[in-house]
Amino acid sequence: MGNPFKTWLPVLVFCCIFSLLSVPAAAATTQLHIVKYAADNVTVINQTTITWQEMEKNLPVQGDGITHYYLQGPVFVDNTDPVREEQLRWNAAEDTNVKEKDMGAVKGTDLKDLCDLVGGMEPGDLVKIKAEDGFSKTFAYANVYTPPVRQGPMVITWYHGGEGYVPEYRQGMRLVFFADNATNPWGIHAFGNEDWHLSASPQYYYYYQQGTERYPTTTGLSVQYVSEIQISSKITTLSEPARTAPTTMAASLTKSGISLFTIIGALAVCGFVGFLKYKRA
């Protein structure tokens, strides 16, 4: 009898490769989980889940599906004077790498209105916008609740004029800044690097890094596939018991760091070992 391991090894390798290739990339999200934490970032004060349909029906809609909104990519300029170089890269004229970053004629819901569903934010609170693939960005209270017009409202978009609603809107839900149109030479609604430079504290800046060089950009702030909004509050005591939603088995496994792929891989290995034992019997 031949060695069964040698016989089945190619099949097992193929299955593993196929499993890796068939793991889907991050896809558009259609609902948000919104949660407000106490100061320990563990105790849940309040939470809810809302679909894009409920957002459109029950909350003010931002955007008209016609007006396009833009971000700004890195401005790749160098200068021997580091102060001047930084100024050039922030690009106060807002005239470089802007029209290439068209987010489309999007519609969505103001992040402030979503935060209010679980009790809102207070000065000093932080909010984390988290994507389904784990990527996240954190923002301060002022940028959510009192944004300057050159920054505009922070909007979780669920509609794109060229694609439709999520999930057909393939990059949604997405964080887009609905900035004004006063700064750039084209009169478009562009959220430029200098807009963010003047609207936020330095710890919230985002840079594209190329070797040792850093280039500010607002595209890196635009979280795609948004699935969760987490508010970190300063509340230290609760006037009522914390409200925690039921946890599914899948959620428990995810929180423990065990991915679905890991489980499938373990089951495949167990099945293969069992097969060998059966062949040897």
C-alpha atoms as a PDB file:
ATOM      1  CA  MET A   1       0.000   0.000   0.000  1.00  0.00           C
ATOM      2  CA  GLY A   2       1.361   3.407  -0.940  1.00  0.00           C
ATOM      3  CA  ASN A   3       1.908   6.138   1.571  1.00  0.00           C
ATOM      4  CA  PRO A   4      -1.489   7.858   1.928  1.00  0.00           C
ATOM      5  CA  PHE A   5       0.179  11.066   3.097  1.00  0.00           C
ATOM      6  CA  LYS A   6       2.069  11.357  -0.218  1.00  0.00           C
ATOM      7  CA  THR A   7      -1.148  10.603  -2.102  1.00  0.00           C
ATOM      8  CA  TRP A   8      -3.289  13.201  -0.376  1.00  0.00           C
ATOM      9  CA  LEU A   9      -0.696  15.909   0.294  1.00  0.00           C
ATOM     10  CA  PRO A  10      -1.163  17.610  -3.105  1.00  0.00           C
ATOM     11  CA  VAL A  11      -4.925  17.633  -2.568  1.00  0.00           C
ATOM     12  CA  LEU A  12      -4.540  19.194   0.882  1.00  0.00           C
ATOM     13  CA  VAL A  13      -2.154  21.849  -0.449  1.00  0.00           C
ATOM     14  CA  PHE A  14      -4.584  22.679  -3.254  1.00  0.00           C
ATOM     15  CA  CYS A  15      -7.461  23.004  -0.788  1.00  0.00           C
ATOM     16  CA  CYS A  16      -5.444  25.362   1.419  1.00  0.00           C
ATOM     17  CA  ILE A  17      -4.452  27.537  -1.555  1.00  0.00           C
ATOM     18  CA  PHE A  18      -8.035  27.582  -2.843  1.00  0.00           C
ATOM     19  CA  SER A  19      -9.286  28.590   0.607  1.00  0.00           C
ATOM     20  CA  LEU A  20      -6.837  31.493   0.723  1.00  0.00           C
ATOM     21  CA  LEU A  21      -7.794  32.657  -2.750  1.00  0.00           C
ATOM     22  CA  SER A  22     -11.494  32.403  -2.041  1.00  0.00           C
ATOM     23  CA  VAL A  23     -11.442  34.532   1.149  1.00  0.00           C
ATOM     24  CA  PRO A  24     -13.521  37.559   0.127  1.00  0.00           C
ATOM     25  CA  ALA A  25     -12.077  41.051   0.254  1.00  0.00           C
ATOM     26  CA  ALA A  26     -13.733  43.653   2.456  1.00  0.00           C
ATOM     27  CA  ALA A  27     -17.175  44.447   1.095  1.00  0.00           C
ATOM     28  CA  ALA A  28     -19.670  47.248   1.471  1.00  0.00           C
ATOM     29  CA  THR A  29     -21.502  47.380   4.800  1.00  0.00           C
ATOM     30  CA  THR A  30     -25.240  47.919   5.163  1.00  0.00           C
ATOM     31  CA  GLN A  31     -25.634  48.554   8.888  1.00  0.00           C
ATOM     32  CA  LEU A  32     -23.756  50.140  11.782  1.00  0.00           C
ATOM     33  CA  HIS A  33     -23.248  49.091  15.372  1.00  0.00           C
ATOM     34  CA  ILE A  34     -22.998  52.214  17.542  1.00  0.00           C
ATOM     35  CA  VAL A  35     -21.751  51.885  21.108  1.00  0.00           C
ATOM     36  CA  LYS A  36     -20.917  54.347  23.876  1.00  0.00           C
ATOM     37  CA  TYR A  37     -18.394  53.282  26.504  1.00  0.00           C
ATOM     38  CA  ALA A  38     -17.662  54.602  29.976  1.00  0.00           C
ATOM     39  CA  ALA A  39     -14.208  55.937  30.826  1.00  0.00           C
ATOM     40  CA  ASP A  40     -12.835  52.412  31.271  1.00  0.00           C
ATOM     41  CA  ASN A  41     -13.593  51.665  27.596  1.00  0.00           C
ATOM     42  CA  VAL A  42     -15.178  48.392  28.722  1.00  0.00           C
ATOM     43  CA  THR A  43     -18.464  49.285  30.391  1.00  0.00           C
ATOM     44  CA  VAL A  44     -21.193  49.799  27.795  1.00  0.00           C
ATOM     45  CA  ILE A  45     -23.415  52.778  28.567  1.00  0.00           C
ATOM     46  CA  ASN A  46     -25.663  52.367  25.543  1.00  0.00           C
ATOM     47  CA  GLN A  47     -25.617  50.766  22.117  1.00  0.00           C
ATOM     48  CA  THR A  48     -27.752  50.237  19.069  1.00  0.00           C
ATOM     49  CA  THR A  49     -27.625  48.881  15.536  1.00  0.00           C
ATOM     50  CA  ILE A  50     -29.067  50.776  12.583  1.00  0.00           C
ATOM     51  CA  THR A  51     -29.396  49.946   8.877  1.00  0.00           C
ATOM     52  CA  TRP A  52     -28.885  52.394   6.035  1.00  0.00           C
ATOM     53  CA  GLN A  53     -32.618  52.183   5.295  1.00  0.00           C
ATOM     54  CA  GLU A  54     -33.400  53.326   8.846  1.00  0.00           C
ATOM     55  CA  MET A  55     -30.868  56.136   8.554  1.00  0.00           C
ATOM     56  CA  GLU A  56     -32.420  57.430   5.338  1.00  0.00           C
ATOM     57  CA  LYS A  57     -35.945  57.173   6.731  1.00  0.00           C
ATOM     58  CA  ASN A  58     -35.480  58.503  10.253  1.00  0.00           C
ATOM     59  CA  LEU A  59     -32.469  60.841  10.274  1.00  0.00           C
ATOM     60  CA  PRO A  60     -31.599  63.986   8.263  1.00  0.00           C
ATOM     61  CA  VAL A  61     -29.985  63.095   4.934  1.00  0.00           C
ATOM     62  CA  GLN A  62     -26.736  64.829   4.009  1.00  0.00           C
ATOM     63  CA  GLY A  63     -26.067  65.342   0.297  1.00  0.00           C
ATOM     64  CA  ASP A  64     -28.410  65.549  -2.669  1.00  0.00           C
ATOM     65  CA  GLY A  65     -27.041  62.775  -4.891  1.00  0.00           C
ATOM     66  CA  ILE A  66     -25.909  65.395  -7.428  1.00  0.00           C
ATOM     67  CA  THR A  67     -23.173  67.418  -5.702  1.00  0.00           C
ATOM     68  CA  HIS A  68     -19.761  65.743  -5.746  1.00  0.00           C
ATOM     69  CA  TYR A  69     -17.433  65.789  -2.742  1.00  0.00           C
ATOM     70  CA  TYR A  70     -13.653  65.557  -2.950  1.00  0.00           C
ATOM     71  CA  LEU A  71     -10.715  64.760  -0.688  1.00  0.00           C
ATOM     72  CA  GLN A  72      -7.040  65.578  -1.293  1.00  0.00           C
ATOM     73  CA  GLY A  73      -4.170  63.186  -1.810  1.00  0.00           C
ATOM     74  CA  PRO A  74      -0.491  63.735  -1.015  1.00  0.00           C
ATOM     75  CA  VAL A  75       1.303  66.711  -2.573  1.00  0.00           C
ATOM     76  CA  PHE A  76       4.689  65.392  -3.617  1.00  0.00           C
ATOM     77  CA  VAL A  77       6.915  68.453  -3.431  1.00  0.00           C
ATOM     78  CA  ASP A  78      10.303  68.942  -1.802  1.00  0.00           C
ATOM     79  CA  ASN A  79      12.204  71.997  -0.625  1.00  0.00           C
ATOM     80  CA  THR A  80      15.551  72.543   1.045  1.00  0.00           C
ATOM     81  CA  ASP A  81      13.845  74.702   3.675  1.00  0.00           C
ATOM     82  CA  PRO A  82      11.877  72.288   5.933  1.00  0.00           C
ATOM     83  CA  VAL A  83       9.402  74.980   6.999  1.00  0.00           C
ATOM     84  CA  ARG A  84       8.633  75.931   3.413  1.00  0.00           C
ATOM     85  CA  GLU A  85       8.483  72.261   2.443  1.00  0.00           C
ATOM     86  CA  GLU A  86       5.822  71.605   5.068  1.00  0.00           C
ATOM     87  CA  GLN A  87       3.793  74.580   3.865  1.00  0.00           C
ATOM     88  CA  LEU A  88       3.945  73.350   0.288  1.00  0.00           C
ATOM     89  CA  ARG A  89       2.809  69.888   1.279  1.00  0.00           C
ATOM     90  CA  TRP A  90      -0.180  71.190   3.230  1.00  0.00           C
ATOM     91  CA  ASN A  91      -1.026  73.058   0.016  1.00  0.00           C
ATOM     92  CA  ALA A  92      -3.124  75.987   1.216  1.00  0.00           C
ATOM     93  CA  ALA A  93      -4.119  76.728  -2.401  1.00  0.00           C
ATOM     94  CA  GLU A  94      -5.835  73.335  -2.533  1.00  0.00           C
ATOM     95  CA  ASP A  95      -4.911  73.006  -6.202  1.00  0.00           C
ATOM     96  CA  THR A  96      -3.014  69.691  -6.373  1.00  0.00           C
ATOM     97  CA  ASN A  97      -4.246  66.082  -6.315  1.00  0.00           C
ATOM     98  CA  VAL A  98      -7.833  67.126  -5.528  1.00  0.00           C
ATOM     99  CA  LYS A  99      -9.989  66.516  -8.597  1.00  0.00           C
ATOM    100  CA  GLU A 100      -8.417  63.055  -8.813  1.00  0.00           C
ATOM    101  CA  LYS A 101      -9.952  62.222  -5.399  1.00  0.00           C
ATOM    102  CA  ASP A 102     -13.627  62.493  -6.321  1.00  0.00           C
ATOM    103  CA  MET A 103     -15.745  60.636  -3.752  1.00  0.00           C
ATOM    104  CA  GLY A 104     -18.785  60.958  -6.008  1.00  0.00           C
ATOM    105  CA  ALA A 105     -22.255  62.412  -5.571  1.00  0.00           C
ATOM    106  CA  VAL A 106     -22.752  60.757  -2.214  1.00  0.00           C
ATOM    107  CA  LYS A 107     -25.517  60.895   0.367  1.00  0.00           C
ATOM    108  CA  GLY A 108     -25.373  59.789   3.973  1.00  0.00           C
ATOM    109  CA  THR A 109     -25.958  60.547   7.641  1.00  0.00           C
ATOM    110  CA  ASP A 110     -24.121  63.043   9.833  1.00  0.00           C
ATOM    111  CA  LEU A 111     -21.881  61.244  12.322  1.00  0.00           C
ATOM    112  CA  LYS A 112     -23.211  63.577  15.021  1.00  0.00           C
ATOM    113  CA  ASP A 113     -26.765  62.307  14.499  1.00  0.00           C
ATOM    114  CA  LEU A 114     -25.562  58.717  14.750  1.00  0.00           C
ATOM    115  CA  CYS A 115     -23.667  59.406  17.971  1.00  0.00           C
ATOM    116  CA  ASP A 116     -26.795  61.023  19.440  1.00  0.00           C
ATOM    117  CA  LEU A 117     -28.618  57.689  19.104  1.00  0.00           C
ATOM    118  CA  VAL A 118     -26.599  56.354  22.056  1.00  0.00           C
ATOM    119  CA  GLY A 119     -26.373  59.509  24.151  1.00  0.00           C
ATOM    120  CA  GLY A 120     -24.014  61.650  22.107  1.00  0.00           C
ATOM    121  CA  MET A 121     -20.574  63.031  22.890  1.00  0.00           C
ATOM    122  CA  GLU A 122     -19.301  65.672  25.300  1.00  0.00           C
ATOM    123  CA  PRO A 123     -16.154  67.838  25.057  1.00  0.00           C
ATOM    124  CA  GLY A 124     -13.188  65.573  25.760  1.00  0.00           C
ATOM    125  CA  ASP A 125     -14.867  62.452  24.348  1.00  0.00           C
ATOM    126  CA  LEU A 126     -13.409  60.587  21.387  1.00  0.00           C
ATOM    127  CA  VAL A 127     -15.095  58.620  18.635  1.00  0.00           C
ATOM    128  CA  LYS A 128     -13.552  55.764  16.685  1.00  0.00           C
ATOM    129  CA  ILE A 129     -14.812  54.990  13.187  1.00  0.00           C
ATOM    130  CA  LYS A 130     -14.090  51.322  12.595  1.00  0.00           C
ATOM    131  CA  ALA A 131     -14.173  49.403   9.330  1.00  0.00           C
ATOM    132  CA  GLU A 132     -15.229  45.807   8.887  1.00  0.00           C
ATOM    133  CA  ASP A 133     -11.623  44.863   8.044  1.00  0.00           C
ATOM    134  CA  GLY A 134     -10.341  46.341  11.325  1.00  0.00           C
ATOM    135  CA  PHE A 135      -8.983  49.656  10.036  1.00  0.00           C
ATOM    136  CA  SER A 136     -10.051  52.613  12.174  1.00  0.00           C
ATOM    137  CA  LYS A 137      -9.557  56.337  12.732  1.00  0.00           C
ATOM    138  CA  THR A 138     -10.244  58.308  15.908  1.00  0.00           C
ATOM    139  CA  PHE A 139     -11.624  61.855  16.048  1.00  0.00           C
ATOM    140  CA  ALA A 140     -12.266  64.518  18.668  1.00  0.00           C
ATOM    141  CA  TYR A 141     -15.607  65.855  19.860  1.00  0.00           C
ATOM    142  CA  ALA A 142     -15.140  69.266  18.189  1.00  0.00           C
ATOM    143  CA  ASN A 143     -14.662  67.808  14.705  1.00  0.00           C
ATOM    144  CA  VAL A 144     -17.905  65.867  15.048  1.00  0.00           C
ATOM    145  CA  TYR A 145     -20.142  68.412  16.790  1.00  0.00           C
ATOM    146  CA  THR A 146     -18.713  71.849  15.916  1.00  0.00           C
ATOM    147  CA  PRO A 147     -16.810  71.422  12.648  1.00  0.00           C
ATOM    148  CA  PRO A 148     -15.624  74.553  10.837  1.00  0.00           C
ATOM    149  CA  VAL A 149     -17.214  75.066   7.426  1.00  0.00           C
ATOM    150  CA  ARG A 150     -13.946  74.341   5.650  1.00  0.00           C
ATOM    151  CA  GLN A 151     -14.059  70.869   7.188  1.00  0.00           C
ATOM    152  CA  GLY A 152     -17.814  70.363   7.039  1.00  0.00           C
ATOM    153  CA  PRO A 153     -19.928  67.632   8.646  1.00  0.00           C
ATOM    154  CA  MET A 154     -18.447  64.160   8.993  1.00  0.00           C
ATOM    155  CA  VAL A 155     -20.869  62.006   7.022  1.00  0.00           C
ATOM    156  CA  ILE A 156     -21.223  58.229   6.905  1.00  0.00           C
ATOM    157  CA  THR A 157     -22.254  57.782   3.285  1.00  0.00           C
ATOM    158  CA  TRP A 158     -24.509  54.951   2.100  1.00  0.00           C
ATOM    159  CA  TYR A 159     -25.385  56.177  -1.403  1.00  0.00           C
ATOM    160  CA  HIS A 160     -23.259  56.969  -4.462  1.00  0.00           C
ATOM    161  CA  GLY A 161     -24.760  58.713  -7.486  1.00  0.00           C
ATOM    162  CA  GLY A 162     -22.963  56.434  -9.930  1.00  0.00           C
ATOM    163  CA  GLU A 163     -23.508  53.137  -8.120  1.00  0.00           C
ATOM    164  CA  GLY A 164     -26.612  53.431  -5.959  1.00  0.00           C
ATOM    165  CA  TYR A 165     -27.103  52.320  -2.377  1.00  0.00           C
ATOM    166  CA  VAL A 166     -24.867  49.941  -0.451  1.00  0.00           C
ATOM    167  CA  PRO A 167     -23.897  47.206  -1.150  1.00  0.00           C
ATOM    168  CA  GLU A 168     -23.927  48.308  -4.823  1.00  0.00           C
ATOM    169  CA  TYR A 169     -22.007  51.366  -3.566  1.00  0.00           C
ATOM    170  CA  ARG A 170     -18.876  49.267  -3.277  1.00  0.00           C
ATOM    171  CA  GLN A 171     -16.801  51.543  -1.032  1.00  0.00           C
ATOM    172  CA  GLY A 172     -19.640  52.265   1.383  1.00  0.00           C
ATOM    173  CA  MET A 173     -20.443  52.832   4.010  1.00  0.00           C
ATOM    174  CA  ARG A 174     -17.712  55.455   3.904  1.00  0.00           C
ATOM    175  CA  LEU A 175     -16.664  58.441   5.988  1.00  0.00           C
ATOM    176  CA  VAL A 176     -16.679  61.560   3.798  1.00  0.00           C
ATOM    177  CA  PHE A 177     -16.143  65.152   4.923  1.00  0.00           C
ATOM    178  CA  PHE A 178     -18.723  67.506   3.391  1.00  0.00           C
ATOM    179  CA  ALA A 179     -16.437  70.542   3.161  1.00  0.00           C
ATOM    180  CA  ASP A 180     -17.390  73.886   1.637  1.00  0.00           C
ATOM    181  CA  ASN A 181     -16.318  75.026  -1.834  1.00  0.00           C
ATOM    182  CA  ALA A 182     -14.595  78.311  -0.962  1.00  0.00           C
ATOM    183  CA  THR A 183     -10.879  77.492  -1.049  1.00  0.00           C
ATOM    184  CA  ASN A 184      -9.964  75.591  -4.219  1.00  0.00           C
ATOM    185  CA  PRO A 185      -9.703  77.211  -7.695  1.00  0.00           C
ATOM    186  CA  TRP A 186     -12.549  75.125  -9.188  1.00  0.00           C
ATOM    187  CA  GLY A 187     -15.265  75.961  -6.645  1.00  0.00           C
ATOM    188  CA  ILE A 188     -15.834  72.292  -5.808  1.00  0.00           C
ATOM    189  CA  HIS A 189     -16.604  70.824  -2.394  1.00  0.00           C
ATOM    190  CA  ALA A 190     -13.093  69.694  -1.517  1.00  0.00           C
ATOM    191  CA  PHE A 191     -11.749  68.714   1.890  1.00  0.00           C
ATOM    192  CA  GLY A 192      -8.118  69.708   1.442  1.00  0.00           C
ATOM    193  CA  ASN A 193      -5.042  69.017   3.488  1.00  0.00           C
ATOM    194  CA  GLU A 194      -4.886  72.589   4.770  1.00  0.00           C
ATOM    195  CA  ASP A 195      -8.570  72.369   5.728  1.00  0.00           C
ATOM    196  CA  TRP A 196      -7.716  69.548   8.120  1.00  0.00           C
ATOM    197  CA  HIS A 197      -4.497  71.266   9.194  1.00  0.00           C
ATOM    198  CA  LEU A 198      -6.564  74.192  10.462  1.00  0.00           C
ATOM    199  CA  SER A 199      -9.514  72.158  11.761  1.00  0.00           C
ATOM    200  CA  ALA A 200      -7.900  69.452  13.893  1.00  0.00           C
ATOM    201  CA  SER A 201      -5.210  68.957  16.516  1.00  0.00           C
ATOM    202  CA  PRO A 202      -1.889  67.490  15.303  1.00  0.00           C
ATOM    203  CA  GLN A 203      -2.535  64.067  16.834  1.00  0.00           C
ATOM    204  CA  TYR A 204      -5.351  63.599  14.314  1.00  0.00           C
ATOM    205  CA  TYR A 205      -3.327  64.473  11.192  1.00  0.00           C
ATOM    206  CA  TYR A 206      -2.783  61.730   8.661  1.00  0.00           C
ATOM    207  CA  TYR A 207       0.378  61.307   6.592  1.00  0.00           C
ATOM    208  CA  TYR A 208       1.295  59.171   3.636  1.00  0.00           C
ATOM    209  CA  GLN A 209       4.822  57.933   4.304  1.00  0.00           C
ATOM    210  CA  GLN A 210       7.393  57.304   1.602  1.00  0.00           C
ATOM    211  CA  GLY A 211      10.667  56.302   3.177  1.00  0.00           C
ATOM    212  CA  THR A 212      11.486  59.018   5.694  1.00  0.00           C
ATOM    213  CA  GLU A 213       9.258  61.573   3.980  1.00  0.00           C
ATOM    214  CA  ARG A 214       5.752  62.374   5.253  1.00  0.00           C
ATOM    215  CA  TYR A 215       3.045  63.900   3.105  1.00  0.00           C
ATOM    216  CA  PRO A 216      -0.236  65.057   4.669  1.00  0.00           C
ATOM    217  CA  THR A 217      -3.394  63.776   3.000  1.00  0.00           C
ATOM    218  CA  THR A 218      -7.107  63.674   3.802  1.00  0.00           C
ATOM    219  CA  THR A 219      -7.817  60.520   1.803  1.00  0.00           C
ATOM    220  CA  GLY A 220      -6.349  58.465   4.645  1.00  0.00           C
ATOM    221  CA  LEU A 221      -9.053  59.770   6.985  1.00  0.00           C
ATOM    222  CA  SER A 222     -11.865  58.447   4.810  1.00  0.00           C
ATOM    223  CA  VAL A 223     -12.606  55.073   6.395  1.00  0.00           C
ATOM    224  CA  GLN A 224     -14.321  52.647   4.014  1.00  0.00           C
ATOM    225  CA  TYR A 225     -16.648  49.722   4.871  1.00  0.00           C
ATOM    226  CA  VAL A 226     -17.623  51.408   8.152  1.00  0.00           C
ATOM    227  CA  SER A 227     -19.281  48.871  10.451  1.00  0.00           C
ATOM    228  CA  GLU A 228     -18.928  50.314  13.950  1.00  0.00           C
ATOM    229  CA  ILE A 229     -18.893  53.649  15.738  1.00  0.00           C
ATOM    230  CA  GLN A 230     -17.341  53.594  19.215  1.00  0.00           C
ATOM    231  CA  ILE A 231     -17.609  56.555  21.583  1.00  0.00           C
ATOM    232  CA  SER A 232     -15.098  56.747  24.423  1.00  0.00           C
ATOM    233  CA  SER A 233     -16.683  58.966  27.055  1.00  0.00           C
ATOM    234  CA  LYS A 234     -15.444  60.446  30.338  1.00  0.00           C
ATOM    235  CA  ILE A 235     -18.302  58.960  32.355  1.00  0.00           C
ATOM    236  CA  THR A 236     -16.973  57.104  35.405  1.00  0.00           C
ATOM    237  CA  THR A 237     -20.236  56.051  37.090  1.00  0.00           C
ATOM    238  CA  LEU A 238     -23.527  54.823  35.712  1.00  0.00           C
ATOM    239  CA  SER A 239     -26.926  55.981  36.884  1.00  0.00           C
ATOM    240  CA  GLU A 240     -28.435  52.799  35.460  1.00  0.00           C
ATOM    241  CA  PRO A 241     -27.143  49.310  34.662  1.00  0.00           C
ATOM    242  CA  ALA A 242     -25.073  49.031  31.515  1.00  0.00           C
ATOM    243  CA  ARG A 243     -27.023  47.782  28.544  1.00  0.00           C
ATOM    244  CA  THR A 244     -25.275  45.045  26.640  1.00  0.00           C
ATOM    245  CA  ALA A 245     -26.626  43.364  23.522  1.00  0.00           C
ATOM    246  CA  PRO A 246     -26.647  39.553  23.250  1.00  0.00           C
ATOM    247  CA  THR A 247     -23.424  38.158  21.882  1.00  0.00           C
ATOM    248  CA  THR A 248     -23.554  35.560  19.122  1.00  0.00           C
ATOM    249  CA  MET A 249     -21.139  32.670  18.905  1.00  0.00           C
ATOM    250  CA  ALA A 250     -19.541  34.196  15.815  1.00  0.00           C
ATOM    251  CA  ALA A 251     -19.040  37.484  17.649  1.00  0.00           C
ATOM    252  CA  SER A 252     -17.518  35.711  20.629  1.00  0.00           C
ATOM    253  CA  LEU A 253     -15.074  33.869  18.401  1.00  0.00           C
ATOM    254  CA  THR A 254     -14.142  37.070  16.619  1.00  0.00           C
ATOM    255  CA  LYS A 255     -13.527  38.902  19.904  1.00  0.00           C
ATOM    256  CA  SER A 256     -11.336  36.058  21.112  1.00  0.00           C
ATOM    257  CA  GLY A 257      -9.197  36.425  18.007  1.00  0.00           C
ATOM    258  CA  ILE A 258     -10.317  33.196  16.341  1.00  0.00           C
ATOM    259  CA  SER A 259     -11.202  33.878  12.712  1.00  0.00           C
ATOM    260  CA  LEU A 260     -13.533  31.804  10.587  1.00  0.00           C
ATOM    261  CA  PHE A 261     -10.624  30.847   8.360  1.00  0.00           C
ATOM    262  CA  THR A 262      -8.699  29.527  11.372  1.00  0.00           C
ATOM    263  CA  ILE A 263     -11.659  27.379  12.380  1.00  0.00           C
ATOM    264  CA  ILE A 264     -12.089  25.996   8.856  1.00  0.00           C
ATOM    265  CA  GLY A 265      -8.364  25.270   8.655  1.00  0.00           C
ATOM    266  CA  ALA A 266      -8.421  23.435  11.985  1.00  0.00           C
ATOM    267  CA  LEU A 267     -11.418  21.360  10.911  1.00  0.00           C
ATOM    268  CA  ALA A 268      -9.688  20.486   7.632  1.00  0.00           C
ATOM    269  CA  VAL A 269      -6.573  19.315   9.468  1.00  0.00           C
ATOM    270  CA  CYS A 270      -8.651  17.278  11.930  1.00  0.00           C
ATOM    271  CA  GLY A 271     -10.546  15.699   9.071  1.00  0.00           C
ATOM    272  CA  PHE A 272      -7.332  14.808   7.291  1.00  0.00           C
ATOM    273  CA  VAL A 273      -5.836  13.255  10.415  1.00  0.00           C
ATOM    274  CA  GLY A 274      -9.011  11.259  10.909  1.00  0.00           C
ATOM    275  CA  PHE A 275      -8.823  10.041   7.323  1.00  0.00           C
ATOM    276  CA  LEU A 276      -5.252   8.809   7.853  1.00  0.00           C
ATOM    277  CA  LYS A 277      -6.315   6.942  10.963  1.00  0.00           C
ATOM    278  CA  TYR A 278      -9.163   5.369   9.012  1.00  0.00           C
ATOM    279  CA  LYS A 279      -6.799   4.259   6.216  1.00  0.00           C
ATOM    280  CA  ARG A 280      -4.406   2.739   8.696  1.00  0.00           C
ATOM    281  CA  ALA A 281      -7.173   0.788  10.516  1.00  0.00           C
END
